[in-house]
Amino acid sequence: MQGALPWKTILVPYDFSDGADHAAAIALAEARTHGASVLLLHVVELMPHFGPETRLILPEGAQTPIGIHHYARSRAEADLRQVAARLAGDIAIETFVREGNPIEEIADFARQRNVD
């Protein structure tokens, strides 16, 4: 690949949709080509009126309700780890979960990780 810049890290914002699966597949193919690693990032966007301490969720098998923010984040982390395990193979995949506005959080994450 003459003139092409090799990618070292590929960021895939991941929302658990079919489109995200497709984007991850493309990222993995590119990672193999360039010897890059893949970062899967999910942003949990919560409604502000829920507040940080609202107790609304009783997880399956739990006896004590937990805050919706905690539930959403822990569920996303577990689900994203499963996706990474399913996709990994010979490519290094890291998973990250953030809370907030997806556009802002993705841009902020990319800046922090120096991903262009």
Protein backbone atom coordinates (compact mmCIF):
# COMPACT_ATOMS: atom_id res chain seq x y z
CA MET A 1 0.00 0.00 0.00
CA GLN A 2 2.18 2.76 -1.23
CA GLY A 3 1.38 6.23 0.14
CA ALA A 4 -1.17 4.94 2.63
CA LEU A 5 -0.77 5.64 6.30
CA PRO A 6 -0.95 2.47 8.36
CA TRP A 7 -3.62 2.61 11.05
CA LYS A 8 -2.51 1.59 14.51
CA THR A 9 -5.85 1.97 16.26
CA ILE A 10 -9.39 1.84 14.89
CA LEU A 11 -12.23 3.26 16.95
CA VAL A 12 -15.67 1.72 16.46
CA PRO A 13 -18.55 3.48 18.20
CA TYR A 14 -20.83 0.55 18.97
CA ASP A 15 -24.58 0.78 19.70
CA PHE A 16 -25.46 -2.94 19.44
CA SER A 17 -27.26 -2.46 16.11
CA ASP A 18 -26.82 -4.42 12.88
CA GLY A 19 -25.01 -1.38 11.49
CA ALA A 20 -22.56 -1.47 14.39
CA ASP A 21 -21.90 -5.17 13.71
CA HIS A 22 -21.17 -4.31 10.08
CA ALA A 23 -18.87 -1.43 11.08
CA ALA A 24 -17.01 -3.72 13.49
CA ALA A 25 -16.53 -6.33 10.75
CA ILE A 26 -15.05 -3.71 8.44
CA ALA A 27 -12.82 -2.42 11.26
CA LEU A 28 -11.55 -5.95 11.95
CA ALA A 29 -10.72 -6.47 8.28
CA GLU A 30 -8.84 -3.17 8.21
CA ALA A 31 -7.09 -4.01 11.49
CA ARG A 32 -5.82 -7.25 9.96
CA THR A 33 -4.57 -5.38 6.90
CA HIS A 34 -2.78 -2.71 8.92
CA GLY A 35 -1.80 -4.71 12.01
CA ALA A 36 -3.98 -2.41 14.09
CA SER A 37 -5.99 -2.85 17.27
CA VAL A 38 -9.70 -2.10 17.61
CA LEU A 39 -11.42 -0.04 20.30
CA LEU A 40 -15.14 -0.70 20.77
CA LEU A 41 -16.85 2.24 22.47
CA HIS A 42 -20.45 2.31 23.67
CA VAL A 43 -21.99 5.49 25.05
CA VAL A 44 -24.86 5.08 27.48
CA GLU A 45 -27.23 7.96 26.93
CA LEU A 46 -29.55 8.34 29.89
CA MET A 47 -32.52 10.61 30.28
CA PRO A 48 -31.55 13.46 32.62
CA HIS A 49 -34.79 13.25 34.59
CA PHE A 50 -33.78 9.84 35.97
CA GLY A 51 -31.06 11.44 38.07
CA PRO A 52 -28.03 9.61 39.48
CA GLU A 53 -29.72 8.00 42.49
CA THR A 54 -33.03 6.85 41.08
CA ARG A 55 -33.71 3.24 42.02
CA LEU A 56 -35.72 1.79 39.19
CA ILE A 57 -34.16 -1.51 38.19
CA LEU A 58 -34.34 -4.87 39.91
CA PRO A 59 -31.84 -6.99 37.96
CA GLU A 60 -32.73 -10.62 37.38
CA GLY A 61 -31.75 -12.68 40.38
CA ALA A 62 -31.11 -9.60 42.53
CA GLN A 63 -32.86 -8.80 45.77
CA THR A 64 -32.00 -5.12 45.90
CA PRO A 65 -32.88 -2.51 43.28
CA ILE A 66 -30.00 -0.58 41.76
CA GLY A 67 -29.81 2.83 40.14
CA ILE A 68 -30.66 2.97 36.48
CA HIS A 69 -27.29 4.55 35.63
CA HIS A 70 -25.42 1.72 37.34
CA TYR A 71 -27.61 -0.89 35.66
CA ALA A 72 -27.26 0.63 32.18
CA ARG A 73 -23.51 0.96 32.46
CA SER A 74 -22.87 -2.51 33.91
CA ARG A 75 -25.17 -4.12 31.34
CA ALA A 76 -23.43 -2.29 28.48
CA GLU A 77 -20.00 -3.31 29.80
CA ALA A 78 -21.02 -6.98 30.00
CA ASP A 79 -22.67 -6.98 26.57
CA LEU A 80 -19.73 -5.19 24.95
CA ARG A 81 -17.27 -7.72 26.43
CA GLN A 82 -19.37 -10.50 24.84
CA VAL A 83 -19.24 -8.75 21.47
CA ALA A 84 -15.46 -8.37 21.74
CA ALA A 85 -15.02 -12.03 22.67
CA ARG A 86 -17.13 -13.06 19.69
CA LEU A 87 -15.17 -10.86 17.28
CA ALA A 88 -11.63 -11.01 18.65
CA GLY A 89 -9.87 -13.90 16.96
CA ASP A 90 -6.40 -12.65 16.03
CA ILE A 91 -7.11 -8.94 16.60
CA ALA A 92 -6.62 -7.07 19.88
CA ILE A 93 -9.95 -5.55 20.92
CA GLU A 94 -10.48 -3.27 23.91
CA THR A 95 -13.91 -2.22 25.16
CA PHE A 96 -14.97 1.05 26.73
CA VAL A 97 -18.27 2.37 28.06
CA ARG A 98 -18.99 6.02 28.72
CA GLU A 99 -22.07 7.93 29.79
CA GLY A 100 -23.35 11.11 28.21
CA ASN A 101 -24.13 12.57 24.82
CA PRO A 102 -22.87 10.06 22.24
CA ILE A 103 -21.50 12.64 19.80
CA GLU A 104 -19.61 14.52 22.49
CA GLU A 105 -18.34 11.39 24.24
CA ILE A 106 -17.12 9.75 21.03
CA ALA A 107 -15.26 12.90 19.96
CA ASP A 108 -13.79 13.35 23.45
CA PHE A 109 -12.70 9.70 23.60
CA ALA A 110 -11.04 9.95 20.17
CA ARG A 111 -9.15 13.08 21.24
CA GLN A 112 -8.00 11.47 24.49
CA ARG A 113 -6.80 8.34 22.73
CA ASN A 114 -5.27 10.26 19.78
CA VAL A 115 -7.46 8.37 17.33
CA ASP A 116 -7.96 10.26 14.06
